[in-house]
Amino acid sequence: MKGFSNRWSDFPDYILGITHEIWEERQLRTLDHYYAEDIVMRFPSGLAQGNAGVIDGTMATLAEFPDRQLMGEDVIWSGDEETGYLSSHRILTTGTHLGNGAFGEATGESFTIRAIADCAAKEDTIYDEWLIRDVAGLAEQLGWDPKE
């Protein structure tokens, strides 16, 4: 794959590999390499732009769920070396609510949810990502009413 490290055998290997490296191995500073400085992140709640915000958001989430794991499961993809690549990958997310944060005071409850991340990448860099998580499922497993 032109412009990508030769450690990746193909684009799914890249997506699953960086997911593992960043989130499971906690190598958050690799986001400076794998995510564009001005990446656009699209969530159901709105847009965020910039890799610094991605890192800050990740740090806040890890303070609330310090044992959080994101395990890439499946990848579907398209693209080529000239135009870049698109992926959609399913992620299994687990963790325990051990810190105060966006989900209120720590409950000590564990959760398991799934997320879907759609990424656009070229030359070893993700420059656009759409992400949706089962936030209602997470809230419910923490003992909250998702409607609240």
Protein backbone atom coordinates (compact mmCIF):
# COMPACT_ATOMS: atom_id res chain seq x y z
CA MET A 1 0.00 0.00 0.00
CA LYS A 2 1.65 3.18 -1.23
CA GLY A 3 2.54 5.57 1.58
CA PHE A 4 1.69 3.08 4.36
CA SER A 5 4.18 1.30 6.57
CA ASN A 6 5.21 -2.06 5.17
CA ARG A 7 4.24 -3.66 8.49
CA TRP A 8 0.61 -3.75 7.25
CA SER A 9 -0.29 -6.59 4.90
CA ASP A 10 -3.43 -4.85 3.63
CA PHE A 11 -5.90 -2.13 4.61
CA PRO A 12 -7.96 -4.27 7.06
CA ASP A 13 -4.68 -5.22 8.77
CA TYR A 14 -3.87 -1.49 9.07
CA ILE A 15 -7.27 -0.63 10.59
CA LEU A 16 -7.27 -3.53 13.06
CA GLY A 17 -3.57 -3.02 13.82
CA ILE A 18 -3.79 0.66 14.68
CA THR A 19 -7.00 0.07 16.65
CA HIS A 20 -5.10 -2.47 18.75
CA GLU A 21 -1.99 -0.31 19.05
CA ILE A 22 -3.80 2.89 20.01
CA TRP A 23 -6.57 1.59 22.26
CA GLU A 24 -5.59 -1.82 23.60
CA GLU A 25 -1.87 -1.08 24.02
CA ARG A 26 -2.69 2.48 25.19
CA GLN A 27 -0.21 4.06 22.77
CA LEU A 28 -2.27 7.25 22.55
CA ARG A 29 0.61 9.35 21.24
CA THR A 30 0.55 7.27 18.05
CA LEU A 31 -2.60 9.25 17.26
CA ASP A 32 -0.17 12.02 16.29
CA HIS A 33 1.00 9.74 13.48
CA TYR A 34 -2.12 7.82 12.48
CA TYR A 35 -4.68 10.66 12.68
CA ALA A 36 -4.36 13.85 10.64
CA GLU A 37 -3.74 16.99 12.68
CA ASP A 38 -7.00 18.46 11.34
CA ILE A 39 -9.02 15.20 11.29
CA VAL A 40 -12.79 15.59 11.12
CA MET A 41 -14.58 13.36 13.64
CA ARG A 42 -18.31 12.91 13.10
CA PHE A 43 -20.52 11.73 15.98
CA PRO A 44 -24.31 11.58 16.37
CA SER A 45 -23.88 14.52 18.78
CA GLY A 46 -22.00 16.66 16.25
CA LEU A 47 -18.61 17.34 14.70
CA ALA A 48 -15.19 17.67 16.24
CA GLN A 49 -12.10 18.74 14.36
CA GLY A 50 -8.48 18.26 15.24
CA ASN A 51 -6.35 15.48 16.59
CA ALA A 52 -5.68 17.33 19.86
CA GLY A 53 -9.39 17.11 20.68
CA VAL A 54 -9.39 13.38 19.91
CA ILE A 55 -6.53 12.86 22.36
CA ASP A 56 -8.18 15.05 25.04
CA GLY A 57 -11.48 13.20 24.66
CA THR A 58 -9.72 9.86 24.88
CA MET A 59 -7.92 10.90 28.07
CA ALA A 60 -11.22 11.98 29.66
CA THR A 61 -12.85 8.68 28.69
CA LEU A 62 -9.93 6.68 30.11
CA ALA A 63 -10.16 8.63 33.39
CA GLU A 64 -13.79 7.51 33.65
CA PHE A 65 -13.22 3.96 32.31
CA PRO A 66 -9.53 3.19 33.00
CA ASP A 67 -9.79 -0.46 31.92
CA ARG A 68 -11.64 0.35 28.69
CA GLN A 69 -10.75 -1.89 25.77
CA LEU A 70 -11.61 -1.45 22.08
CA MET A 71 -11.24 -4.67 20.16
CA GLY A 72 -11.61 -4.49 16.40
CA GLU A 73 -13.79 -7.32 15.09
CA ASP A 74 -14.54 -6.95 11.39
CA VAL A 75 -13.53 -4.60 8.58
CA ILE A 76 -15.18 -3.98 5.24
CA TRP A 77 -13.31 -1.66 2.92
CA SER A 78 -12.80 -0.24 -0.53
CA GLY A 79 -10.32 1.97 -2.31
CA ASP A 80 -6.88 1.96 -3.84
CA GLU A 81 -3.46 3.53 -3.51
CA GLU A 82 -4.28 6.52 -5.71
CA THR A 83 -7.62 7.65 -4.27
CA GLY A 84 -7.17 6.35 -0.73
CA TYR A 85 -9.13 3.86 1.30
CA LEU A 86 -12.47 3.73 3.10
CA SER A 87 -13.23 1.32 5.92
CA SER A 88 -16.10 0.45 8.19
CA HIS A 89 -15.15 -1.59 11.19
CA ARG A 90 -17.07 -3.04 14.07
CA ILE A 91 -15.53 -2.65 17.51
CA LEU A 92 -16.35 -4.48 20.73
CA THR A 93 -15.87 -2.12 23.68
CA THR A 94 -15.67 -3.17 27.32
CA GLY A 95 -14.88 -1.33 30.51
CA THR A 96 -15.74 -0.51 34.10
CA HIS A 97 -17.08 2.84 35.31
CA LEU A 98 -14.41 3.63 37.91
CA GLY A 99 -14.08 7.41 37.58
CA ASN A 100 -16.42 10.40 37.61
CA GLY A 101 -17.16 12.00 34.27
CA ALA A 102 -19.70 12.31 31.47
CA PHE A 103 -21.70 9.38 32.88
CA GLY A 104 -21.82 10.89 36.39
CA GLU A 105 -20.27 9.57 39.55
CA ALA A 106 -18.44 6.26 39.28
CA THR A 107 -20.79 3.29 39.63
CA GLY A 108 -18.28 0.44 39.54
CA GLU A 109 -20.47 -1.20 36.88
CA SER A 110 -19.00 -2.95 33.85
CA PHE A 111 -20.26 -2.64 30.30
CA THR A 112 -19.95 -4.28 26.91
CA ILE A 113 -21.12 -2.43 23.80
CA ARG A 114 -20.36 -2.25 20.12
CA ALA A 115 -19.35 0.69 17.97
CA ILE A 116 -18.94 1.27 14.26
CA ALA A 117 -16.12 3.46 12.96
CA ASP A 118 -16.00 4.51 9.31
CA CYS A 119 -12.60 5.87 8.32
CA ALA A 120 -11.06 7.55 5.28
CA ALA A 121 -7.30 7.10 5.01
CA LYS A 122 -4.47 7.84 2.65
CA GLU A 123 -0.71 7.38 3.05
CA ASP A 124 -0.84 5.96 6.60
CA THR A 125 -3.14 8.71 7.91
CA ILE A 126 -6.82 8.72 8.82
CA TYR A 127 -8.23 12.11 7.88
CA ASP A 128 -12.00 11.62 8.36
CA GLU A 129 -13.90 9.37 10.77
CA TRP A 130 -17.57 8.72 11.45
CA LEU A 131 -18.14 7.04 14.81
CA ILE A 132 -21.28 5.73 16.46
CA ARG A 133 -21.38 3.93 19.80
CA ASP A 134 -24.23 2.23 21.64
CA VAL A 135 -24.35 5.00 24.24
CA ALA A 136 -27.87 4.00 25.34
CA GLY A 137 -26.64 0.45 25.98
CA LEU A 138 -23.69 1.78 27.94
CA ALA A 139 -25.90 4.05 30.07
CA GLU A 140 -28.33 1.21 30.74
CA GLN A 141 -25.53 -1.12 31.87
CA LEU A 142 -24.32 1.58 34.27
CA GLY A 143 -27.78 1.72 35.84
CA TRP A 144 -29.01 4.86 34.11
CA ASP A 145 -32.19 5.38 32.11
CA PRO A 146 -30.97 6.09 28.55
CA LYS A 147 -33.81 8.61 28.09
CA GLU A 148 -32.25 10.79 30.78
